[in-house]
Amino acid sequence: MRAIACHDGEFTVEDVPTPAIANNEVLIRVAAAGVNRADLLQRRGLYPPPPGASAIIGLEVSGTITQVGAHITEFRVGDQVCALLAGGGYAEFVAVPAAQVIPLPTGISLHDAAAIPEVACTVVSNLILTAHLQRDELLLIHGGSSGIGTHAIQLAKHLGARVAVTARTRDKLDFCRELGADILINYADEDFVEVIKEAGGADVILDIIGAKYLERNVEALNTGGRLVIIGMQGGVKGELNIAQLMGKRASVIGTTLRARPTYGPGGKAEVVAKTLELTLPLLSNGTIKPIIDSSFPLADAAAAHDRLDSGDAIGKVLLTVDE
């Protein structure tokens, strides 16, 4: 099969063996793959795959099942699906545990479905299973126009929460407003802490920045607020005012998705199951739509990375694999 190989940060298309599947896995012929910031880090040698995972970059795909393991009853050959991966997405075929596979939502094309697994599972894992976002609470999303941000806006509004977002351009903020965001903060010329304090404080903050925003995020939290850190774009070490955190009875939580095991408490199977229960119907009835910025052929993976790395994308960047 064709796959993208990475040598010293450079991409090439190579022929590699098609993966064999285990009894609990399915083999997917990939139609499209999502491009994520974790992919950019792996390309630079900064985010190696978990033990046992494919060294091929790529954390989500859509496609058609071509083979099922001996223990699989919920999927059949020919089913169109999308899937959450620990690696292996930039290829013509990928093996994945069936517990990490999502049926193709009604009304969404097979290509566009590649934009779903990573964002949907990340948002459910962090806003629902971790932060327990409630109706009428104020959610602050840093990077509201990102793939995760655009999905989180839609789900949070469906749940009845108020949504504030940060972004760096008017076009991005206007797009977030169209998705339902209530409070728009241009971080280039506004202090998000002041804006959020005027709005009563954030009950939940979904943060992709990390260290750079740590102290200010805690300042922006309401009493009982939950700060969930899912990225480190602003560094890995920051100062934390423990007295302020204790005084607010607030929580700071760091999470990842890729390194989790498939099974067990908090594993990917649990996250995918909750996503199937909560988000799949909303995708099928159009309440939540996958937001896609652009799509590139598999051989142009480097250009896709450049697009995401530019910071100009609104929504997801995809690779078309099965042309």
C-alpha atoms as a PDB file:
ATOM      1  CA  MET A   1       0.000   0.000   0.000  1.00  0.00           C
ATOM      2  CA  ARG A   2       1.016   3.638  -0.402  1.00  0.00           C
ATOM      3  CA  ALA A   3       1.818   5.562   2.749  1.00  0.00           C
ATOM      4  CA  ILE A   4       3.556   8.757   3.779  1.00  0.00           C
ATOM      5  CA  ALA A   5       6.960   8.060   5.289  1.00  0.00           C
ATOM      6  CA  CYS A   6       8.798  10.693   7.294  1.00  0.00           C
ATOM      7  CA  HIS A   7      12.607  10.831   7.305  1.00  0.00           C
ATOM      8  CA  ASP A   8      14.253  13.705   9.169  1.00  0.00           C
ATOM      9  CA  GLY A   9      11.101  15.765   8.804  1.00  0.00           C
ATOM     10  CA  GLU A  10      10.751  15.194   5.067  1.00  0.00           C
ATOM     11  CA  PHE A  11       7.731  13.398   3.580  1.00  0.00           C
ATOM     12  CA  THR A  12       7.876  10.820   0.792  1.00  0.00           C
ATOM     13  CA  VAL A  13       5.239   8.472  -0.609  1.00  0.00           C
ATOM     14  CA  GLU A  14       6.443   4.875  -0.239  1.00  0.00           C
ATOM     15  CA  ASP A  15       5.139   1.352  -0.698  1.00  0.00           C
ATOM     16  CA  VAL A  16       4.834  -0.406   2.667  1.00  0.00           C
ATOM     17  CA  PRO A  17       3.132  -3.634   3.791  1.00  0.00           C
ATOM     18  CA  THR A  18      -0.617  -3.501   4.381  1.00  0.00           C
ATOM     19  CA  PRO A  19      -1.175  -3.949   8.131  1.00  0.00           C
ATOM     20  CA  ALA A  20      -2.508  -7.236   9.460  1.00  0.00           C
ATOM     21  CA  ILE A  21      -5.468  -7.065  11.826  1.00  0.00           C
ATOM     22  CA  ALA A  22      -6.001  -8.627  15.237  1.00  0.00           C
ATOM     23  CA  ASN A  23      -9.198 -10.414  16.250  1.00  0.00           C
ATOM     24  CA  ASN A  24     -10.627  -7.197  17.746  1.00  0.00           C
ATOM     25  CA  GLU A  25      -9.714  -4.993  14.787  1.00  0.00           C
ATOM     26  CA  VAL A  26     -10.994  -3.984  11.362  1.00  0.00           C
ATOM     27  CA  LEU A  27      -9.038  -3.016   8.268  1.00  0.00           C
ATOM     28  CA  ILE A  28     -10.139   0.244   6.656  1.00  0.00           C
ATOM     29  CA  ARG A  29      -9.382   1.330   3.098  1.00  0.00           C
ATOM     30  CA  VAL A  30      -8.782   5.000   3.756  1.00  0.00           C
ATOM     31  CA  ALA A  31     -10.726   7.637   1.841  1.00  0.00           C
ATOM     32  CA  ALA A  32      -9.377  10.642   3.740  1.00  0.00           C
ATOM     33  CA  ALA A  33      -7.278  11.416   6.800  1.00  0.00           C
ATOM     34  CA  GLY A  34      -7.425  14.330   9.196  1.00  0.00           C
ATOM     35  CA  VAL A  35      -4.371  16.517   9.820  1.00  0.00           C
ATOM     36  CA  ASN A  36      -3.770  17.484  13.447  1.00  0.00           C
ATOM     37  CA  ARG A  37      -1.231  19.540  15.368  1.00  0.00           C
ATOM     38  CA  ALA A  38       0.001  16.316  16.942  1.00  0.00           C
ATOM     39  CA  ASP A  39       0.999  15.285  13.403  1.00  0.00           C
ATOM     40  CA  LEU A  40       3.125  18.414  13.064  1.00  0.00           C
ATOM     41  CA  LEU A  41       4.890  17.574  16.323  1.00  0.00           C
ATOM     42  CA  GLN A  42       5.471  13.951  15.312  1.00  0.00           C
ATOM     43  CA  ARG A  43       6.982  15.100  12.014  1.00  0.00           C
ATOM     44  CA  ARG A  44       9.470  17.197  14.010  1.00  0.00           C
ATOM     45  CA  GLY A  45      10.368  14.256  16.234  1.00  0.00           C
ATOM     46  CA  LEU A  46       8.650  15.780  19.274  1.00  0.00           C
ATOM     47  CA  TYR A  47       5.660  13.433  19.680  1.00  0.00           C
ATOM     48  CA  PRO A  48       6.506   9.772  19.092  1.00  0.00           C
ATOM     49  CA  PRO A  49       3.654   7.259  18.729  1.00  0.00           C
ATOM     50  CA  PRO A  50       2.631   5.240  21.779  1.00  0.00           C
ATOM     51  CA  PRO A  51       4.263   1.813  22.183  1.00  0.00           C
ATOM     52  CA  GLY A  52       2.843  -0.634  19.659  1.00  0.00           C
ATOM     53  CA  ALA A  53       1.232   2.041  17.462  1.00  0.00           C
ATOM     54  CA  SER A  54       2.066   2.527  13.797  1.00  0.00           C
ATOM     55  CA  ALA A  55       4.975   4.892  13.122  1.00  0.00           C
ATOM     56  CA  ILE A  56       3.008   6.307  10.178  1.00  0.00           C
ATOM     57  CA  ILE A  57       1.571   9.723  11.034  1.00  0.00           C
ATOM     58  CA  GLY A  58      -2.207  10.196  11.243  1.00  0.00           C
ATOM     59  CA  LEU A  59      -4.732  10.067  14.106  1.00  0.00           C
ATOM     60  CA  GLU A  60      -8.065   9.831  12.255  1.00  0.00           C
ATOM     61  CA  VAL A  61      -9.454   8.540   8.990  1.00  0.00           C
ATOM     62  CA  SER A  62     -12.623   7.835   7.082  1.00  0.00           C
ATOM     63  CA  GLY A  63     -13.069   4.950   4.691  1.00  0.00           C
ATOM     64  CA  THR A  64     -14.570   1.555   3.950  1.00  0.00           C
ATOM     65  CA  ILE A  65     -14.048  -1.615   5.965  1.00  0.00           C
ATOM     66  CA  THR A  66     -12.386  -4.321   3.863  1.00  0.00           C
ATOM     67  CA  GLN A  67     -11.702  -6.926   6.556  1.00  0.00           C
ATOM     68  CA  VAL A  68     -13.022  -7.685  10.054  1.00  0.00           C
ATOM     69  CA  GLY A  69     -11.382  -9.589  12.886  1.00  0.00           C
ATOM     70  CA  ALA A  70     -12.718 -12.904  14.151  1.00  0.00           C
ATOM     71  CA  HIS A  71     -14.295 -11.312  17.248  1.00  0.00           C
ATOM     72  CA  ILE A  72     -16.086  -8.476  15.442  1.00  0.00           C
ATOM     73  CA  THR A  73     -19.867  -8.579  15.097  1.00  0.00           C
ATOM     74  CA  GLU A  74     -20.816  -4.885  15.019  1.00  0.00           C
ATOM     75  CA  PHE A  75     -19.203  -4.115  11.637  1.00  0.00           C
ATOM     76  CA  ARG A  76     -19.140  -5.850   8.254  1.00  0.00           C
ATOM     77  CA  VAL A  77     -17.043  -5.652   5.132  1.00  0.00           C
ATOM     78  CA  GLY A  78     -18.317  -2.748   3.052  1.00  0.00           C
ATOM     79  CA  ASP A  79     -19.385  -0.548   5.982  1.00  0.00           C
ATOM     80  CA  GLN A  80     -18.440   3.107   5.585  1.00  0.00           C
ATOM     81  CA  VAL A  81     -16.935   4.489   8.770  1.00  0.00           C
ATOM     82  CA  CYS A  82     -14.524   6.906  10.376  1.00  0.00           C
ATOM     83  CA  ALA A  83     -12.111   6.012  13.132  1.00  0.00           C
ATOM     84  CA  LEU A  84      -9.919   7.342  15.917  1.00  0.00           C
ATOM     85  CA  LEU A  85      -6.327   6.091  15.672  1.00  0.00           C
ATOM     86  CA  ALA A  86      -3.108   6.020  17.666  1.00  0.00           C
ATOM     87  CA  GLY A  87      -1.261   6.320  14.336  1.00  0.00           C
ATOM     88  CA  GLY A  88      -1.209   5.073  10.749  1.00  0.00           C
ATOM     89  CA  GLY A  89      -3.688   7.418   9.064  1.00  0.00           C
ATOM     90  CA  TYR A  90      -1.565   8.749   6.208  1.00  0.00           C
ATOM     91  CA  ALA A  91      -1.855   5.500   4.263  1.00  0.00           C
ATOM     92  CA  GLU A  92      -4.169   3.564   1.960  1.00  0.00           C
ATOM     93  CA  PHE A  93      -5.107   1.066   4.671  1.00  0.00           C
ATOM     94  CA  VAL A  94      -5.148   1.168   8.463  1.00  0.00           C
ATOM     95  CA  ALA A  95      -5.902  -1.425  11.147  1.00  0.00           C
ATOM     96  CA  VAL A  96      -7.862  -0.154  14.143  1.00  0.00           C
ATOM     97  CA  PRO A  97      -9.740  -1.677  17.100  1.00  0.00           C
ATOM     98  CA  ALA A  98     -13.446  -1.845  16.314  1.00  0.00           C
ATOM     99  CA  ALA A  99     -14.133  -0.036  19.595  1.00  0.00           C
ATOM    100  CA  GLN A 100     -12.550   3.079  18.057  1.00  0.00           C
ATOM    101  CA  VAL A 101     -14.684   3.029  14.900  1.00  0.00           C
ATOM    102  CA  ILE A 102     -17.647   5.355  14.271  1.00  0.00           C
ATOM    103  CA  PRO A 103     -20.340   4.591  11.660  1.00  0.00           C
ATOM    104  CA  LEU A 104     -20.623   7.161   8.888  1.00  0.00           C
ATOM    105  CA  PRO A 105     -23.160   9.786  10.050  1.00  0.00           C
ATOM    106  CA  THR A 106     -26.212  10.246   7.856  1.00  0.00           C
ATOM    107  CA  GLY A 107     -25.828  13.076   5.352  1.00  0.00           C
ATOM    108  CA  ILE A 108     -22.047  13.440   5.691  1.00  0.00           C
ATOM    109  CA  SER A 109     -19.805  12.401   2.811  1.00  0.00           C
ATOM    110  CA  LEU A 110     -17.193   9.721   3.324  1.00  0.00           C
ATOM    111  CA  HIS A 111     -14.441  12.254   2.621  1.00  0.00           C
ATOM    112  CA  ASP A 112     -15.766  14.857   5.069  1.00  0.00           C
ATOM    113  CA  ALA A 113     -16.189  12.261   7.817  1.00  0.00           C
ATOM    114  CA  ALA A 114     -12.405  12.237   8.271  1.00  0.00           C
ATOM    115  CA  ALA A 115     -12.861  15.580  10.037  1.00  0.00           C
ATOM    116  CA  ILE A 116     -14.937  13.997  12.806  1.00  0.00           C
ATOM    117  CA  PRO A 117     -13.171  11.422  15.034  1.00  0.00           C
ATOM    118  CA  GLU A 118     -10.386  13.419  16.681  1.00  0.00           C
ATOM    119  CA  VAL A 119     -12.415  16.570  17.315  1.00  0.00           C
ATOM    120  CA  ALA A 120     -15.612  14.798  18.372  1.00  0.00           C
ATOM    121  CA  CYS A 121     -13.845  12.447  20.762  1.00  0.00           C
ATOM    122  CA  THR A 122     -11.612  15.210  22.157  1.00  0.00           C
ATOM    123  CA  VAL A 123     -14.586  17.469  22.837  1.00  0.00           C
ATOM    124  CA  VAL A 124     -16.704  14.730  24.411  1.00  0.00           C
ATOM    125  CA  SER A 125     -13.790  13.495  26.493  1.00  0.00           C
ATOM    126  CA  ASN A 126     -12.943  16.928  27.848  1.00  0.00           C
ATOM    127  CA  LEU A 127     -16.203  18.869  28.008  1.00  0.00           C
ATOM    128  CA  ILE A 128     -18.500  16.002  28.992  1.00  0.00           C
ATOM    129  CA  LEU A 129     -16.526  13.223  30.681  1.00  0.00           C
ATOM    130  CA  THR A 130     -13.934  15.472  32.339  1.00  0.00           C
ATOM    131  CA  ALA A 131     -15.336  18.988  32.862  1.00  0.00           C
ATOM    132  CA  HIS A 132     -19.032  17.975  33.084  1.00  0.00           C
ATOM    133  CA  LEU A 133     -20.190  21.117  31.285  1.00  0.00           C
ATOM    134  CA  GLN A 134     -23.724  22.094  32.335  1.00  0.00           C
ATOM    135  CA  ARG A 135     -26.555  24.163  30.866  1.00  0.00           C
ATOM    136  CA  ASP A 136     -26.121  27.929  31.373  1.00  0.00           C
ATOM    137  CA  GLU A 137     -22.454  27.602  32.312  1.00  0.00           C
ATOM    138  CA  LEU A 138     -19.922  29.799  30.526  1.00  0.00           C
ATOM    139  CA  LEU A 139     -17.388  27.907  28.431  1.00  0.00           C
ATOM    140  CA  LEU A 140     -14.254  29.693  27.175  1.00  0.00           C
ATOM    141  CA  ILE A 141     -12.622  28.047  24.151  1.00  0.00           C
ATOM    142  CA  HIS A 142      -9.144  29.172  23.198  1.00  0.00           C
ATOM    143  CA  GLY A 143      -8.703  28.799  19.453  1.00  0.00           C
ATOM    144  CA  GLY A 144     -12.394  28.875  18.680  1.00  0.00           C
ATOM    145  CA  SER A 145     -11.887  28.601  14.917  1.00  0.00           C
ATOM    146  CA  SER A 146      -9.795  25.419  15.120  1.00  0.00           C
ATOM    147  CA  GLY A 147     -11.198  21.998  14.329  1.00  0.00           C
ATOM    148  CA  ILE A 148     -11.709  21.301  18.019  1.00  0.00           C
ATOM    149  CA  GLY A 149     -13.000  24.814  18.658  1.00  0.00           C
ATOM    150  CA  THR A 150     -15.612  24.798  15.887  1.00  0.00           C
ATOM    151  CA  HIS A 151     -16.917  21.422  17.059  1.00  0.00           C
ATOM    152  CA  ALA A 152     -16.913  22.463  20.734  1.00  0.00           C
ATOM    153  CA  ILE A 153     -18.941  25.592  19.987  1.00  0.00           C
ATOM    154  CA  GLN A 154     -21.670  23.555  18.314  1.00  0.00           C
ATOM    155  CA  LEU A 155     -21.876  20.880  21.001  1.00  0.00           C
ATOM    156  CA  ALA A 156     -21.792  23.381  23.869  1.00  0.00           C
ATOM    157  CA  LYS A 157     -24.600  25.439  22.349  1.00  0.00           C
ATOM    158  CA  HIS A 158     -26.660  22.287  21.905  1.00  0.00           C
ATOM    159  CA  LEU A 159     -26.145  21.583  25.618  1.00  0.00           C
ATOM    160  CA  GLY A 160     -27.397  25.070  26.501  1.00  0.00           C
ATOM    161  CA  ALA A 161     -24.079  26.553  27.611  1.00  0.00           C
ATOM    162  CA  ARG A 162     -22.873  30.069  26.883  1.00  0.00           C
ATOM    163  CA  VAL A 163     -19.753  30.126  24.739  1.00  0.00           C
ATOM    164  CA  ALA A 164     -16.853  32.558  24.607  1.00  0.00           C
ATOM    165  CA  VAL A 165     -14.027  32.122  22.107  1.00  0.00           C
ATOM    166  CA  THR A 166     -10.627  33.620  21.426  1.00  0.00           C
ATOM    167  CA  ALA A 167      -9.185  34.035  17.932  1.00  0.00           C
ATOM    168  CA  ARG A 168      -6.788  36.445  16.241  1.00  0.00           C
ATOM    169  CA  THR A 169      -8.734  37.737  13.241  1.00  0.00           C
ATOM    170  CA  ARG A 170     -12.167  39.196  12.598  1.00  0.00           C
ATOM    171  CA  ASP A 171     -12.918  36.563   9.948  1.00  0.00           C
ATOM    172  CA  LYS A 172     -12.317  33.785  12.462  1.00  0.00           C
ATOM    173  CA  LEU A 173     -14.422  35.464  15.130  1.00  0.00           C
ATOM    174  CA  ASP A 174     -17.253  36.093  12.658  1.00  0.00           C
ATOM    175  CA  PHE A 175     -17.202  32.406  11.732  1.00  0.00           C
ATOM    176  CA  CYS A 176     -17.398  31.453  15.403  1.00  0.00           C
ATOM    177  CA  ARG A 177     -20.398  33.757  15.789  1.00  0.00           C
ATOM    178  CA  GLU A 178     -22.140  31.989  12.910  1.00  0.00           C
ATOM    179  CA  LEU A 179     -21.639  28.698  14.751  1.00  0.00           C
ATOM    180  CA  GLY A 180     -23.257  30.150  17.866  1.00  0.00           C
ATOM    181  CA  ALA A 181     -20.499  31.720  19.959  1.00  0.00           C
ATOM    182  CA  ASP A 182     -21.869  34.394  22.304  1.00  0.00           C
ATOM    183  CA  ILE A 183     -18.681  36.245  23.290  1.00  0.00           C
ATOM    184  CA  LEU A 184     -15.947  36.978  20.732  1.00  0.00           C
ATOM    185  CA  ILE A 185     -12.474  37.925  21.947  1.00  0.00           C
ATOM    186  CA  ASN A 186      -9.710  39.061  19.609  1.00  0.00           C
ATOM    187  CA  TYR A 187      -6.650  38.152  21.638  1.00  0.00           C
ATOM    188  CA  ALA A 188      -4.490  40.448  19.500  1.00  0.00           C
ATOM    189  CA  ASP A 189      -6.014  43.553  21.070  1.00  0.00           C
ATOM    190  CA  GLU A 190      -8.262  42.385  23.927  1.00  0.00           C
ATOM    191  CA  ASP A 191      -7.505  40.893  27.339  1.00  0.00           C
ATOM    192  CA  PHE A 192      -9.567  37.714  27.558  1.00  0.00           C
ATOM    193  CA  VAL A 193      -9.378  37.786  31.360  1.00  0.00           C
ATOM    194  CA  GLU A 194     -11.079  41.180  31.559  1.00  0.00           C
ATOM    195  CA  VAL A 195     -13.760  40.193  29.055  1.00  0.00           C
ATOM    196  CA  ILE A 196     -14.508  36.915  30.839  1.00  0.00           C
ATOM    197  CA  LYS A 197     -14.578  38.543  34.275  1.00  0.00           C
ATOM    198  CA  GLU A 198     -17.125  41.074  32.991  1.00  0.00           C
ATOM    199  CA  ALA A 199     -19.218  38.115  31.806  1.00  0.00           C
ATOM    200  CA  GLY A 200     -19.184  36.592  35.299  1.00  0.00           C
ATOM    201  CA  GLY A 201     -16.182  34.266  35.021  1.00  0.00           C
ATOM    202  CA  ALA A 202     -15.663  31.050  33.096  1.00  0.00           C
ATOM    203  CA  ASP A 203     -17.071  27.817  34.492  1.00  0.00           C
ATOM    204  CA  VAL A 204     -15.049  25.735  32.030  1.00  0.00           C
ATOM    205  CA  ILE A 205     -12.011  26.684  29.941  1.00  0.00           C
ATOM    206  CA  LEU A 206     -10.858  24.447  27.084  1.00  0.00           C
ATOM    207  CA  ASP A 207      -7.241  25.430  26.529  1.00  0.00           C
ATOM    208  CA  ILE A 208      -4.824  24.525  23.738  1.00  0.00           C
ATOM    209  CA  ILE A 209      -2.126  27.005  24.804  1.00  0.00           C
ATOM    210  CA  GLY A 210      -0.809  25.612  28.081  1.00  0.00           C
ATOM    211  CA  ALA A 211       1.906  27.376  30.078  1.00  0.00           C
ATOM    212  CA  LYS A 212       1.571  30.843  28.540  1.00  0.00           C
ATOM    213  CA  TYR A 213      -2.081  31.088  29.611  1.00  0.00           C
ATOM    214  CA  LEU A 214      -1.992  29.082  32.852  1.00  0.00           C
ATOM    215  CA  GLU A 215      -1.957  31.923  35.363  1.00  0.00           C
ATOM    216  CA  ARG A 216      -4.423  34.060  33.405  1.00  0.00           C
ATOM    217  CA  ASN A 217      -6.776  31.128  32.824  1.00  0.00           C
ATOM    218  CA  VAL A 218      -7.007  30.518  36.573  1.00  0.00           C
ATOM    219  CA  GLU A 219      -7.675  34.230  37.050  1.00  0.00           C
ATOM    220  CA  ALA A 220     -10.557  33.999  34.556  1.00  0.00           C
ATOM    221  CA  LEU A 221     -12.187  31.007  36.261  1.00  0.00           C
ATOM    222  CA  ASN A 222     -15.378  31.316  38.262  1.00  0.00           C
ATOM    223  CA  THR A 223     -15.780  29.689  41.675  1.00  0.00           C
ATOM    224  CA  GLY A 224     -15.789  25.948  41.087  1.00  0.00           C
ATOM    225  CA  GLY A 225     -14.388  26.462  37.587  1.00  0.00           C
ATOM    226  CA  ARG A 226     -12.587  23.769  35.620  1.00  0.00           C
ATOM    227  CA  LEU A 227      -9.574  24.484  33.433  1.00  0.00           C
ATOM    228  CA  VAL A 228      -8.903  21.624  31.013  1.00  0.00           C
ATOM    229  CA  ILE A 229      -5.558  21.838  29.218  1.00  0.00           C
ATOM    230  CA  ILE A 230      -5.348  19.834  25.994  1.00  0.00           C
ATOM    231  CA  GLY A 231      -2.423  21.494  24.229  1.00  0.00           C
ATOM    232  CA  MET A 232       0.982  23.079  24.787  1.00  0.00           C
ATOM    233  CA  GLN A 233       1.270  25.605  21.977  1.00  0.00           C
ATOM    234  CA  GLY A 234       2.364  28.180  24.571  1.00  0.00           C
ATOM    235  CA  GLY A 235       4.917  26.045  26.369  1.00  0.00           C
ATOM    236  CA  VAL A 236       5.039  23.381  29.048  1.00  0.00           C
ATOM    237  CA  LYS A 237       6.057  25.220  32.236  1.00  0.00           C
ATOM    238  CA  GLY A 238       4.035  27.990  33.856  1.00  0.00           C
ATOM    239  CA  GLU A 239       3.384  29.546  37.256  1.00  0.00           C
ATOM    240  CA  LEU A 240       0.269  28.630  39.194  1.00  0.00           C
ATOM    241  CA  ASN A 241      -1.194  30.764  41.987  1.00  0.00           C
ATOM    242  CA  ILE A 242      -2.240  27.982  44.329  1.00  0.00           C
ATOM    243  CA  ALA A 243      -3.917  30.345  46.778  1.00  0.00           C
ATOM    244  CA  GLN A 244      -6.116  31.697  43.985  1.00  0.00           C
ATOM    245  CA  LEU A 245      -6.921  28.199  42.802  1.00  0.00           C
ATOM    246  CA  MET A 246      -7.884  27.092  46.319  1.00  0.00           C
ATOM    247  CA  GLY A 247      -9.876  30.242  46.976  1.00  0.00           C
ATOM    248  CA  LYS A 248     -11.960  29.544  43.883  1.00  0.00           C
ATOM    249  CA  ARG A 249     -12.242  25.830  44.669  1.00  0.00           C
ATOM    250  CA  ALA A 250     -11.212  25.416  41.042  1.00  0.00           C
ATOM    251  CA  SER A 251      -9.563  22.571  39.158  1.00  0.00           C
ATOM    252  CA  VAL A 252      -6.709  22.408  36.645  1.00  0.00           C
ATOM    253  CA  ILE A 253      -6.795  19.224  34.585  1.00  0.00           C
ATOM    254  CA  GLY A 254      -4.442  18.073  31.860  1.00  0.00           C
ATOM    255  CA  THR A 255      -5.553  15.413  29.398  1.00  0.00           C
ATOM    256  CA  THR A 256      -4.387  13.618  26.266  1.00  0.00           C
ATOM    257  CA  LEU A 257      -6.261  11.237  23.993  1.00  0.00           C
ATOM    258  CA  ARG A 258      -3.691   9.528  21.780  1.00  0.00           C
ATOM    259  CA  ALA A 259      -1.776   7.723  24.521  1.00  0.00           C
ATOM    260  CA  ARG A 260      -4.838   6.267  26.233  1.00  0.00           C
ATOM    261  CA  PRO A 261      -5.361   2.527  25.989  1.00  0.00           C
ATOM    262  CA  THR A 262      -8.308   1.285  24.001  1.00  0.00           C
ATOM    263  CA  TYR A 263      -9.977  -0.465  26.913  1.00  0.00           C
ATOM    264  CA  GLY A 264     -10.386   0.272  30.612  1.00  0.00           C
ATOM    265  CA  PRO A 265     -11.614   3.307  32.579  1.00  0.00           C
ATOM    266  CA  GLY A 266     -11.147   6.476  30.571  1.00  0.00           C
ATOM    267  CA  GLY A 267      -9.904   4.516  27.560  1.00  0.00           C
ATOM    268  CA  LYS A 268     -10.657   5.270  23.939  1.00  0.00           C
ATOM    269  CA  ALA A 269     -13.470   2.714  23.832  1.00  0.00           C
ATOM    270  CA  GLU A 270     -15.281   4.612  26.576  1.00  0.00           C
ATOM    271  CA  VAL A 271     -14.752   7.951  24.842  1.00  0.00           C
ATOM    272  CA  VAL A 272     -15.925   6.615  21.474  1.00  0.00           C
ATOM    273  CA  ALA A 273     -18.980   4.984  23.079  1.00  0.00           C
ATOM    274  CA  LYS A 274     -19.999   8.307  24.643  1.00  0.00           C
ATOM    275  CA  THR A 275     -19.379  10.056  21.323  1.00  0.00           C
ATOM    276  CA  LEU A 276     -21.623   7.539  19.568  1.00  0.00           C
ATOM    277  CA  GLU A 277     -24.333   8.137  22.160  1.00  0.00           C
ATOM    278  CA  LEU A 278     -24.174  11.925  22.286  1.00  0.00           C
ATOM    279  CA  THR A 279     -22.608  13.284  19.109  1.00  0.00           C
ATOM    280  CA  LEU A 280     -23.417  10.823  16.321  1.00  0.00           C
ATOM    281  CA  PRO A 281     -27.155  11.673  16.348  1.00  0.00           C
ATOM    282  CA  LEU A 282     -26.311  15.401  16.270  1.00  0.00           C
ATOM    283  CA  LEU A 283     -24.040  14.891  13.276  1.00  0.00           C
ATOM    284  CA  SER A 284     -26.693  12.804  11.512  1.00  0.00           C
ATOM    285  CA  ASN A 285     -29.457  15.381  11.995  1.00  0.00           C
ATOM    286  CA  GLY A 286     -27.262  18.361  11.093  1.00  0.00           C
ATOM    287  CA  THR A 287     -27.137  19.978  14.537  1.00  0.00           C
ATOM    288  CA  ILE A 288     -23.341  19.658  14.388  1.00  0.00           C
ATOM    289  CA  LYS A 289     -21.517  19.967  11.077  1.00  0.00           C
ATOM    290  CA  PRO A 290     -17.879  19.088  10.380  1.00  0.00           C
ATOM    291  CA  ILE A 291     -16.042  22.288   9.492  1.00  0.00           C
ATOM    292  CA  ILE A 292     -13.433  21.723   6.787  1.00  0.00           C
ATOM    293  CA  ASP A 293     -10.910  24.354   5.800  1.00  0.00           C
ATOM    294  CA  SER A 294      -9.130  22.590   2.952  1.00  0.00           C
ATOM    295  CA  SER A 295      -8.151  19.239   1.463  1.00  0.00           C
ATOM    296  CA  PHE A 296      -4.903  18.078  -0.127  1.00  0.00           C
ATOM    297  CA  PRO A 297      -3.899  14.898  -1.998  1.00  0.00           C
ATOM    298  CA  LEU A 298      -1.919  12.387   0.055  1.00  0.00           C
ATOM    299  CA  ALA A 299       1.268  13.216  -1.846  1.00  0.00           C
ATOM    300  CA  ASP A 300       0.893  16.863  -0.770  1.00  0.00           C
ATOM    301  CA  ALA A 301       0.969  16.072   2.957  1.00  0.00           C
ATOM    302  CA  ALA A 302       3.712  18.657   3.470  1.00  0.00           C
ATOM    303  CA  ALA A 303       1.481  21.373   1.990  1.00  0.00           C
ATOM    304  CA  ALA A 304      -1.352  20.271   4.276  1.00  0.00           C
ATOM    305  CA  HIS A 305       0.993  20.606   7.252  1.00  0.00           C
ATOM    306  CA  ASP A 306       2.013  24.067   6.087  1.00  0.00           C
ATOM    307  CA  ARG A 307      -1.635  25.105   5.900  1.00  0.00           C
ATOM    308  CA  LEU A 308      -2.362  23.963   9.441  1.00  0.00           C
ATOM    309  CA  ASP A 309       0.907  25.367  10.788  1.00  0.00           C
ATOM    310  CA  SER A 310       0.172  28.788   9.262  1.00  0.00           C
ATOM    311  CA  GLY A 311      -2.593  29.406  11.775  1.00  0.00           C
ATOM    312  CA  ASP A 312      -4.875  30.619   8.986  1.00  0.00           C
ATOM    313  CA  ALA A 313      -7.108  27.538   8.764  1.00  0.00           C
ATOM    314  CA  ILE A 314     -10.703  27.639   9.953  1.00  0.00           C
ATOM    315  CA  GLY A 315     -11.756  24.101  10.846  1.00  0.00           C
ATOM    316  CA  LYS A 316     -10.034  20.925   9.716  1.00  0.00           C
ATOM    317  CA  VAL A 317      -7.371  20.274   7.114  1.00  0.00           C
ATOM    318  CA  LEU A 318      -7.735  16.885   5.359  1.00  0.00           C
ATOM    319  CA  LEU A 319      -5.725  14.579   3.126  1.00  0.00           C
ATOM    320  CA  THR A 320      -7.527  12.768   0.314  1.00  0.00           C
ATOM    321  CA  VAL A 321      -6.117   9.240   0.199  1.00  0.00           C
ATOM    322  CA  ASP A 322      -8.430   7.134  -1.973  1.00  0.00           C
ATOM    323  CA  GLU A 323      -8.687   9.214  -5.135  1.00  0.00           C
END
